[in-house]
Amino acid sequence: MPSVVLQAVGKQYRLDSVTVPALTDINLEIFPDRFTVISGPSGSGKTTLLNLIGCIDRPDHGTVEVAGQKVHLLSDDALSDFRARHIGFIFQNFNLLPVLTAYENVEYPLVLAKVPSSERRARVNQLLEAVGLSDRARNRPGQLSGGQRQRVAIARALAGRPALILADEPTANLDSHTGSAIIDLMRRLQREQHVSFVFSSHDPKVLDEADDAVRIQDGRIAAVERHSSATEVSV
């Protein structure tokens, strides 16, 4: 059963007096416990599609269902609560709070969710160990390398035990060696944590690791490749 379903989804943006179509007639299923990559040229609609899946934006028409919930029907407050409980985010610019340590950055969403302190401590320590940063727990982001900051961001995304993690160009600001290591880490954690990862990316390493690859062009899905079955379905 799909964890994400988009049906006949369209999205437009207004730039002054001009209407710019971002997505047109998107039909897509994303399956659980998979490594899904959305690829396409700049301006093709990758980030818009990711924002709709992540409940950051709403479609102009069509339906978006995530974890069995028709999220396009939720109020803003309900959507925010749903996002916090079900979706983790990894950003290419890391988006860590500079005044907090690595430990505190990972802990922060658990504080907001009112998770008891003993459970927070156990979960944060386990995640920092999983991403290889137990010895950097008390370092602030400014004292960490780019790869280390991205590892903190990955741990933070996993902290709430979401079913779905979204990453917008997660290796764009990293050198190729560090980016490759980050993708290997996310792949390992995806398998260990049984969570679905959905990326937008141009990175060949990310595409090579994909279970499912969604190619988008001019706001439309050009093809979906299910790599595990070596089939390609034109849409």
C-alpha atoms as a PDB file:
ATOM      1  CA  MET A   1       0.000   0.000   0.000  1.00  0.00           C
ATOM      2  CA  PRO A   2       1.483   3.404  -0.958  1.00  0.00           C
ATOM      3  CA  SER A   3       2.541   5.788   1.796  1.00  0.00           C
ATOM      4  CA  VAL A   4       2.015   8.796  -0.498  1.00  0.00           C
ATOM      5  CA  VAL A   5      -0.572   9.156  -3.263  1.00  0.00           C
ATOM      6  CA  LEU A   6      -0.999  12.199  -5.513  1.00  0.00           C
ATOM      7  CA  GLN A   7      -3.909  12.248  -7.956  1.00  0.00           C
ATOM      8  CA  ALA A   8      -4.444  14.822 -10.722  1.00  0.00           C
ATOM      9  CA  VAL A   9      -2.387  17.368  -8.770  1.00  0.00           C
ATOM     10  CA  GLY A  10      -1.732  20.807 -10.201  1.00  0.00           C
ATOM     11  CA  LYS A  11       0.073  23.835  -8.787  1.00  0.00           C
ATOM     12  CA  GLN A  12       0.546  27.370 -10.135  1.00  0.00           C
ATOM     13  CA  TYR A  13       2.343  30.436  -8.848  1.00  0.00           C
ATOM     14  CA  ARG A  14       1.657  34.113  -9.455  1.00  0.00           C
ATOM     15  CA  LEU A  15       4.552  36.348 -10.460  1.00  0.00           C
ATOM     16  CA  ASP A  16       3.139  39.881 -10.653  1.00  0.00           C
ATOM     17  CA  SER A  17       0.379  39.548 -13.271  1.00  0.00           C
ATOM     18  CA  VAL A  18       1.724  36.319 -14.769  1.00  0.00           C
ATOM     19  CA  THR A  19       0.539  32.823 -13.795  1.00  0.00           C
ATOM     20  CA  VAL A  20       3.357  30.274 -13.921  1.00  0.00           C
ATOM     21  CA  PRO A  21       2.408  26.570 -13.959  1.00  0.00           C
ATOM     22  CA  ALA A  22       4.697  24.577 -11.665  1.00  0.00           C
ATOM     23  CA  LEU A  23       3.030  21.147 -11.770  1.00  0.00           C
ATOM     24  CA  THR A  24       0.393  19.763 -14.139  1.00  0.00           C
ATOM     25  CA  ASP A  25      -1.682  16.599 -13.741  1.00  0.00           C
ATOM     26  CA  ILE A  26       0.665  14.786 -11.353  1.00  0.00           C
ATOM     27  CA  ASN A  27      -0.266  11.185 -10.567  1.00  0.00           C
ATOM     28  CA  LEU A  28       2.255   9.449  -8.333  1.00  0.00           C
ATOM     29  CA  GLU A  29       2.510   6.699  -5.742  1.00  0.00           C
ATOM     30  CA  ILE A  30       5.405   6.476  -3.287  1.00  0.00           C
ATOM     31  CA  PHE A  31       5.812   3.207  -1.414  1.00  0.00           C
ATOM     32  CA  PRO A  32       6.963   2.643   2.173  1.00  0.00           C
ATOM     33  CA  ASP A  33      10.462   1.548   3.188  1.00  0.00           C
ATOM     34  CA  ARG A  34      11.931   2.762  -0.113  1.00  0.00           C
ATOM     35  CA  PHE A  35      14.643   5.149  -1.336  1.00  0.00           C
ATOM     36  CA  THR A  36      12.803   7.376  -3.851  1.00  0.00           C
ATOM     37  CA  VAL A  37      14.567  10.071  -5.892  1.00  0.00           C
ATOM     38  CA  ILE A  38      12.863  12.869  -7.823  1.00  0.00           C
ATOM     39  CA  SER A  39      15.125  14.147 -10.592  1.00  0.00           C
ATOM     40  CA  GLY A  40      14.855  16.629 -13.424  1.00  0.00           C
ATOM     41  CA  PRO A  41      16.349  19.847 -14.790  1.00  0.00           C
ATOM     42  CA  SER A  42      16.303  23.101 -12.854  1.00  0.00           C
ATOM     43  CA  GLY A  43      12.808  24.592 -12.866  1.00  0.00           C
ATOM     44  CA  SER A  44      11.126  21.281 -13.670  1.00  0.00           C
ATOM     45  CA  GLY A  45       9.015  21.278 -10.492  1.00  0.00           C
ATOM     46  CA  LYS A  46      11.057  18.969  -8.224  1.00  0.00           C
ATOM     47  CA  THR A  47      11.007  21.228  -5.165  1.00  0.00           C
ATOM     48  CA  THR A  48       7.320  22.078  -5.626  1.00  0.00           C
ATOM     49  CA  LEU A  49       6.494  18.379  -5.735  1.00  0.00           C
ATOM     50  CA  LEU A  50       8.568  17.745  -2.620  1.00  0.00           C
ATOM     51  CA  ASN A  51       6.817  20.629  -0.823  1.00  0.00           C
ATOM     52  CA  LEU A  52       3.407  19.148  -1.624  1.00  0.00           C
ATOM     53  CA  ILE A  53       4.441  15.711  -0.363  1.00  0.00           C
ATOM     54  CA  GLY A  54       5.906  17.350   2.763  1.00  0.00           C
ATOM     55  CA  CYS A  55       2.702  19.291   3.512  1.00  0.00           C
ATOM     56  CA  ILE A  56       4.592  22.585   3.224  1.00  0.00           C
ATOM     57  CA  ASP A  57       2.415  23.689   0.309  1.00  0.00           C
ATOM     58  CA  ARG A  58      -1.077  22.871  -0.957  1.00  0.00           C
ATOM     59  CA  PRO A  59      -2.165  21.912  -4.463  1.00  0.00           C
ATOM     60  CA  ASP A  60      -4.448  24.187  -6.474  1.00  0.00           C
ATOM     61  CA  HIS A  61      -6.377  21.086  -7.453  1.00  0.00           C
ATOM     62  CA  GLY A  62      -6.149  17.341  -7.063  1.00  0.00           C
ATOM     63  CA  THR A  63      -5.607  15.253  -3.941  1.00  0.00           C
ATOM     64  CA  VAL A  64      -2.546  14.570  -1.786  1.00  0.00           C
ATOM     65  CA  GLU A  65      -2.665  11.652   0.645  1.00  0.00           C
ATOM     66  CA  VAL A  66       0.175  10.963   3.083  1.00  0.00           C
ATOM     67  CA  ALA A  67       0.125   8.046   5.560  1.00  0.00           C
ATOM     68  CA  GLY A  68      -3.562   7.530   4.807  1.00  0.00           C
ATOM     69  CA  GLN A  69      -4.494  11.175   5.515  1.00  0.00           C
ATOM     70  CA  LYS A  70      -5.868  13.473   2.813  1.00  0.00           C
ATOM     71  CA  VAL A  71      -3.586  16.308   3.840  1.00  0.00           C
ATOM     72  CA  HIS A  72      -4.924  18.869   1.364  1.00  0.00           C
ATOM     73  CA  LEU A  73      -8.149  18.940   3.413  1.00  0.00           C
ATOM     74  CA  LEU A  74      -6.484  19.756   6.754  1.00  0.00           C
ATOM     75  CA  SER A  75      -6.503  23.177   8.391  1.00  0.00           C
ATOM     76  CA  ASP A  76      -3.176  24.983   8.759  1.00  0.00           C
ATOM     77  CA  ASP A  77      -2.911  24.016  12.442  1.00  0.00           C
ATOM     78  CA  ALA A  78      -3.819  20.392  11.768  1.00  0.00           C
ATOM     79  CA  LEU A  79      -1.374  20.290   8.867  1.00  0.00           C
ATOM     80  CA  SER A  80       1.433  21.612  11.060  1.00  0.00           C
ATOM     81  CA  ASP A  81       0.687  18.975  13.700  1.00  0.00           C
ATOM     82  CA  PHE A  82       0.536  16.215  11.072  1.00  0.00           C
ATOM     83  CA  ARG A  83       3.868  17.331   9.618  1.00  0.00           C
ATOM     84  CA  ALA A  84       5.533  17.270  13.045  1.00  0.00           C
ATOM     85  CA  ARG A  85       4.310  13.742  13.772  1.00  0.00           C
ATOM     86  CA  HIS A  86       4.792  12.038  10.424  1.00  0.00           C
ATOM     87  CA  ILE A  87       7.477  13.798   8.352  1.00  0.00           C
ATOM     88  CA  GLY A  88      11.162  14.571   8.871  1.00  0.00           C
ATOM     89  CA  PHE A  89      13.114  17.079   6.769  1.00  0.00           C
ATOM     90  CA  ILE A  90      16.757  17.289   5.686  1.00  0.00           C
ATOM     91  CA  PHE A  91      17.809  20.574   4.068  1.00  0.00           C
ATOM     92  CA  GLN A  92      20.786  21.275   1.809  1.00  0.00           C
ATOM     93  CA  ASN A  93      21.699  24.245   4.042  1.00  0.00           C
ATOM     94  CA  PHE A  94      21.317  22.061   7.168  1.00  0.00           C
ATOM     95  CA  ASN A  95      19.032  24.593   8.982  1.00  0.00           C
ATOM     96  CA  LEU A  96      20.574  23.857  12.359  1.00  0.00           C
ATOM     97  CA  LEU A  97      20.090  26.340  15.192  1.00  0.00           C
ATOM     98  CA  PRO A  98      23.560  27.906  15.632  1.00  0.00           C
ATOM     99  CA  VAL A  99      23.215  28.585  19.377  1.00  0.00           C
ATOM    100  CA  LEU A 100      22.394  24.942  20.150  1.00  0.00           C
ATOM    101  CA  THR A 101      24.811  22.033  20.379  1.00  0.00           C
ATOM    102  CA  ALA A 102      24.526  19.001  18.121  1.00  0.00           C
ATOM    103  CA  TYR A 103      22.755  17.183  20.973  1.00  0.00           C
ATOM    104  CA  GLU A 104      20.325  20.061  21.507  1.00  0.00           C
ATOM    105  CA  ASN A 105      19.559  20.381  17.781  1.00  0.00           C
ATOM    106  CA  VAL A 106      18.586  16.712  17.622  1.00  0.00           C
ATOM    107  CA  GLU A 107      16.640  17.013  20.870  1.00  0.00           C
ATOM    108  CA  TYR A 108      14.750  20.173  19.888  1.00  0.00           C
ATOM    109  CA  PRO A 109      11.832  18.540  17.963  1.00  0.00           C
ATOM    110  CA  LEU A 110      11.391  16.097  20.842  1.00  0.00           C
ATOM    111  CA  VAL A 111      11.152  19.004  23.303  1.00  0.00           C
ATOM    112  CA  LEU A 112       8.453  20.567  21.109  1.00  0.00           C
ATOM    113  CA  ALA A 113       6.645  17.221  21.048  1.00  0.00           C
ATOM    114  CA  LYS A 114       6.827  17.068  24.884  1.00  0.00           C
ATOM    115  CA  VAL A 115       8.672  13.744  24.901  1.00  0.00           C
ATOM    116  CA  PRO A 116       9.797  12.923  28.500  1.00  0.00           C
ATOM    117  CA  SER A 117      13.404  13.870  29.263  1.00  0.00           C
ATOM    118  CA  SER A 118      14.636  10.314  29.896  1.00  0.00           C
ATOM    119  CA  GLU A 119      13.220   9.131  26.567  1.00  0.00           C
ATOM    120  CA  ARG A 120      14.663  12.201  24.810  1.00  0.00           C
ATOM    121  CA  ARG A 121      18.098  11.504  26.224  1.00  0.00           C
ATOM    122  CA  ALA A 122      18.067   7.848  25.160  1.00  0.00           C
ATOM    123  CA  ARG A 123      16.783   8.634  21.666  1.00  0.00           C
ATOM    124  CA  VAL A 124      19.207  11.507  21.016  1.00  0.00           C
ATOM    125  CA  ASN A 125      22.218   9.514  22.224  1.00  0.00           C
ATOM    126  CA  GLN A 126      21.189   6.546  20.069  1.00  0.00           C
ATOM    127  CA  LEU A 127      20.826   8.736  16.973  1.00  0.00           C
ATOM    128  CA  LEU A 128      24.108  10.576  17.488  1.00  0.00           C
ATOM    129  CA  GLU A 129      25.823   7.214  17.811  1.00  0.00           C
ATOM    130  CA  ALA A 130      24.062   6.000  14.647  1.00  0.00           C
ATOM    131  CA  VAL A 131      25.412   8.952  12.624  1.00  0.00           C
ATOM    132  CA  GLY A 132      28.877   8.683  14.198  1.00  0.00           C
ATOM    133  CA  LEU A 133      28.797  11.916  16.202  1.00  0.00           C
ATOM    134  CA  SER A 134      28.660  10.812  19.837  1.00  0.00           C
ATOM    135  CA  ASP A 135      31.970  12.584  20.430  1.00  0.00           C
ATOM    136  CA  ARG A 136      30.626  15.825  18.920  1.00  0.00           C
ATOM    137  CA  ALA A 137      27.413  16.035  20.953  1.00  0.00           C
ATOM    138  CA  ARG A 138      28.485  19.230  22.754  1.00  0.00           C
ATOM    139  CA  ASN A 139      29.779  21.001  19.639  1.00  0.00           C
ATOM    140  CA  ARG A 140      27.761  23.804  18.082  1.00  0.00           C
ATOM    141  CA  PRO A 141      27.205  23.837  14.276  1.00  0.00           C
ATOM    142  CA  GLY A 142      29.981  26.409  13.781  1.00  0.00           C
ATOM    143  CA  GLN A 143      32.435  23.901  15.242  1.00  0.00           C
ATOM    144  CA  LEU A 144      31.422  21.138  12.812  1.00  0.00           C
ATOM    145  CA  SER A 145      32.307  20.412   9.193  1.00  0.00           C
ATOM    146  CA  GLY A 146      29.630  20.448   6.480  1.00  0.00           C
ATOM    147  CA  GLY A 147      29.381  16.683   6.529  1.00  0.00           C
ATOM    148  CA  GLN A 148      29.072  16.617  10.304  1.00  0.00           C
ATOM    149  CA  ARG A 149      26.336  19.252  10.217  1.00  0.00           C
ATOM    150  CA  GLN A 150      24.430  17.202   7.664  1.00  0.00           C
ATOM    151  CA  ARG A 151      24.759  14.157   9.946  1.00  0.00           C
ATOM    152  CA  VAL A 152      23.222  16.187  12.774  1.00  0.00           C
ATOM    153  CA  ALA A 153      20.405  17.196  10.412  1.00  0.00           C
ATOM    154  CA  ILE A 154      19.800  13.539   9.530  1.00  0.00           C
ATOM    155  CA  ALA A 155      19.672  12.569  13.214  1.00  0.00           C
ATOM    156  CA  ARG A 156      17.237  15.425  13.888  1.00  0.00           C
ATOM    157  CA  ALA A 157      15.009  14.303  11.002  1.00  0.00           C
ATOM    158  CA  LEU A 158      14.857  10.792  12.486  1.00  0.00           C
ATOM    159  CA  ALA A 159      14.281  11.951  16.073  1.00  0.00           C
ATOM    160  CA  GLY A 160      10.493  11.959  15.904  1.00  0.00           C
ATOM    161  CA  ARG A 161      10.427   8.482  14.323  1.00  0.00           C
ATOM    162  CA  PRO A 162       8.607   9.675  11.200  1.00  0.00           C
ATOM    163  CA  ALA A 163       7.356   7.330   8.514  1.00  0.00           C
ATOM    164  CA  LEU A 164       8.660   9.643   5.796  1.00  0.00           C
ATOM    165  CA  ILE A 165      11.818  11.749   5.452  1.00  0.00           C
ATOM    166  CA  LEU A 166      12.168  14.362   2.708  1.00  0.00           C
ATOM    167  CA  ALA A 167      15.490  15.757   1.524  1.00  0.00           C
ATOM    168  CA  ASP A 168      15.863  18.612  -0.989  1.00  0.00           C
ATOM    169  CA  GLU A 169      19.270  18.282  -2.714  1.00  0.00           C
ATOM    170  CA  PRO A 170      20.920  16.975   0.504  1.00  0.00           C
ATOM    171  CA  THR A 171      24.401  16.726  -1.048  1.00  0.00           C
ATOM    172  CA  ALA A 172      24.368  19.993  -3.027  1.00  0.00           C
ATOM    173  CA  ASN A 173      26.602  21.893  -0.580  1.00  0.00           C
ATOM    174  CA  LEU A 174      29.017  19.037   0.098  1.00  0.00           C
ATOM    175  CA  ASP A 175      32.109  17.896  -1.762  1.00  0.00           C
ATOM    176  CA  SER A 176      31.741  14.649  -3.708  1.00  0.00           C
ATOM    177  CA  HIS A 177      33.504  12.460  -1.125  1.00  0.00           C
ATOM    178  CA  THR A 178      31.453  13.819   1.782  1.00  0.00           C
ATOM    179  CA  GLY A 179      28.251  13.696  -0.272  1.00  0.00           C
ATOM    180  CA  SER A 180      28.863  10.055  -1.102  1.00  0.00           C
ATOM    181  CA  ALA A 181      29.424   9.241   2.571  1.00  0.00           C
ATOM    182  CA  ILE A 182      26.189  11.040   3.524  1.00  0.00           C
ATOM    183  CA  ILE A 183      24.188   9.086   0.945  1.00  0.00           C
ATOM    184  CA  ASP A 184      25.681   5.812   2.211  1.00  0.00           C
ATOM    185  CA  LEU A 185      24.702   6.826   5.752  1.00  0.00           C
ATOM    186  CA  MET A 186      21.120   7.711   4.768  1.00  0.00           C
ATOM    187  CA  ARG A 187      20.794   4.464   2.843  1.00  0.00           C
ATOM    188  CA  ARG A 188      21.953   2.470   5.879  1.00  0.00           C
ATOM    189  CA  LEU A 189      19.624   4.342   8.226  1.00  0.00           C
ATOM    190  CA  GLN A 190      16.709   3.946   5.819  1.00  0.00           C
ATOM    191  CA  ARG A 191      17.144   0.192   5.964  1.00  0.00           C
ATOM    192  CA  GLU A 192      17.768   0.033   9.721  1.00  0.00           C
ATOM    193  CA  GLN A 193      14.945   2.410  10.689  1.00  0.00           C
ATOM    194  CA  HIS A 194      12.459   1.134   8.058  1.00  0.00           C
ATOM    195  CA  VAL A 195      11.610   4.664   6.989  1.00  0.00           C
ATOM    196  CA  SER A 196      10.859   6.011   3.515  1.00  0.00           C
ATOM    197  CA  PHE A 197      13.311   8.574   2.113  1.00  0.00           C
ATOM    198  CA  VAL A 198      12.230  10.874  -0.729  1.00  0.00           C
ATOM    199  CA  PHE A 199      14.878  13.108  -2.325  1.00  0.00           C
ATOM    200  CA  SER A 200      15.073  15.719  -5.002  1.00  0.00           C
ATOM    201  CA  SER A 201      18.542  15.506  -6.486  1.00  0.00           C
ATOM    202  CA  HIS A 202      20.827  15.809  -9.505  1.00  0.00           C
ATOM    203  CA  ASP A 203      23.542  13.778  -7.775  1.00  0.00           C
ATOM    204  CA  PRO A 204      24.424  10.600  -9.757  1.00  0.00           C
ATOM    205  CA  LYS A 205      25.296   8.840  -6.483  1.00  0.00           C
ATOM    206  CA  VAL A 206      21.788   9.487  -5.159  1.00  0.00           C
ATOM    207  CA  LEU A 207      20.232   8.258  -8.410  1.00  0.00           C
ATOM    208  CA  ASP A 208      22.385   5.114  -8.326  1.00  0.00           C
ATOM    209  CA  GLU A 209      21.046   4.298  -4.852  1.00  0.00           C
ATOM    210  CA  ALA A 210      17.373   4.830  -5.752  1.00  0.00           C
ATOM    211  CA  ASP A 211      14.847   2.040  -5.390  1.00  0.00           C
ATOM    212  CA  ASP A 212      12.417   4.211  -7.335  1.00  0.00           C
ATOM    213  CA  ALA A 213      13.351   7.151  -9.577  1.00  0.00           C
ATOM    214  CA  VAL A 214      10.776   9.752 -10.606  1.00  0.00           C
ATOM    215  CA  ARG A 215      11.805  11.877 -13.588  1.00  0.00           C
ATOM    216  CA  ILE A 216      10.003  15.177 -13.920  1.00  0.00           C
ATOM    217  CA  GLN A 217      10.171  17.700 -16.757  1.00  0.00           C
ATOM    218  CA  ASP A 218       8.210  20.885 -17.401  1.00  0.00           C
ATOM    219  CA  GLY A 219       6.006  20.205 -14.389  1.00  0.00           C
ATOM    220  CA  ARG A 220       4.948  16.742 -15.574  1.00  0.00           C
ATOM    221  CA  ILE A 221       6.147  13.281 -14.663  1.00  0.00           C
ATOM    222  CA  ALA A 222       8.090  11.917 -17.615  1.00  0.00           C
ATOM    223  CA  ALA A 223       8.715   8.435 -16.204  1.00  0.00           C
ATOM    224  CA  VAL A 224       8.858   6.356 -13.047  1.00  0.00           C
ATOM    225  CA  GLU A 225      11.577   3.724 -12.814  1.00  0.00           C
ATOM    226  CA  ARG A 226      11.193   0.926 -10.280  1.00  0.00           C
ATOM    227  CA  HIS A 227      14.809  -0.145 -10.099  1.00  0.00           C
ATOM    228  CA  SER A 228      14.222  -3.199  -7.959  1.00  0.00           C
ATOM    229  CA  SER A 229      12.139  -4.709 -10.765  1.00  0.00           C
ATOM    230  CA  ALA A 230      14.130  -3.065 -13.561  1.00  0.00           C
ATOM    231  CA  THR A 231      10.964  -1.716 -15.174  1.00  0.00           C
ATOM    232  CA  GLU A 232      10.128   1.713 -16.477  1.00  0.00           C
ATOM    233  CA  VAL A 233       6.602   3.002 -16.659  1.00  0.00           C
ATOM    234  CA  SER A 234       5.904   6.067 -18.762  1.00  0.00           C
ATOM    235  CA  VAL A 235       3.293   8.389 -17.294  1.00  0.00           C
END
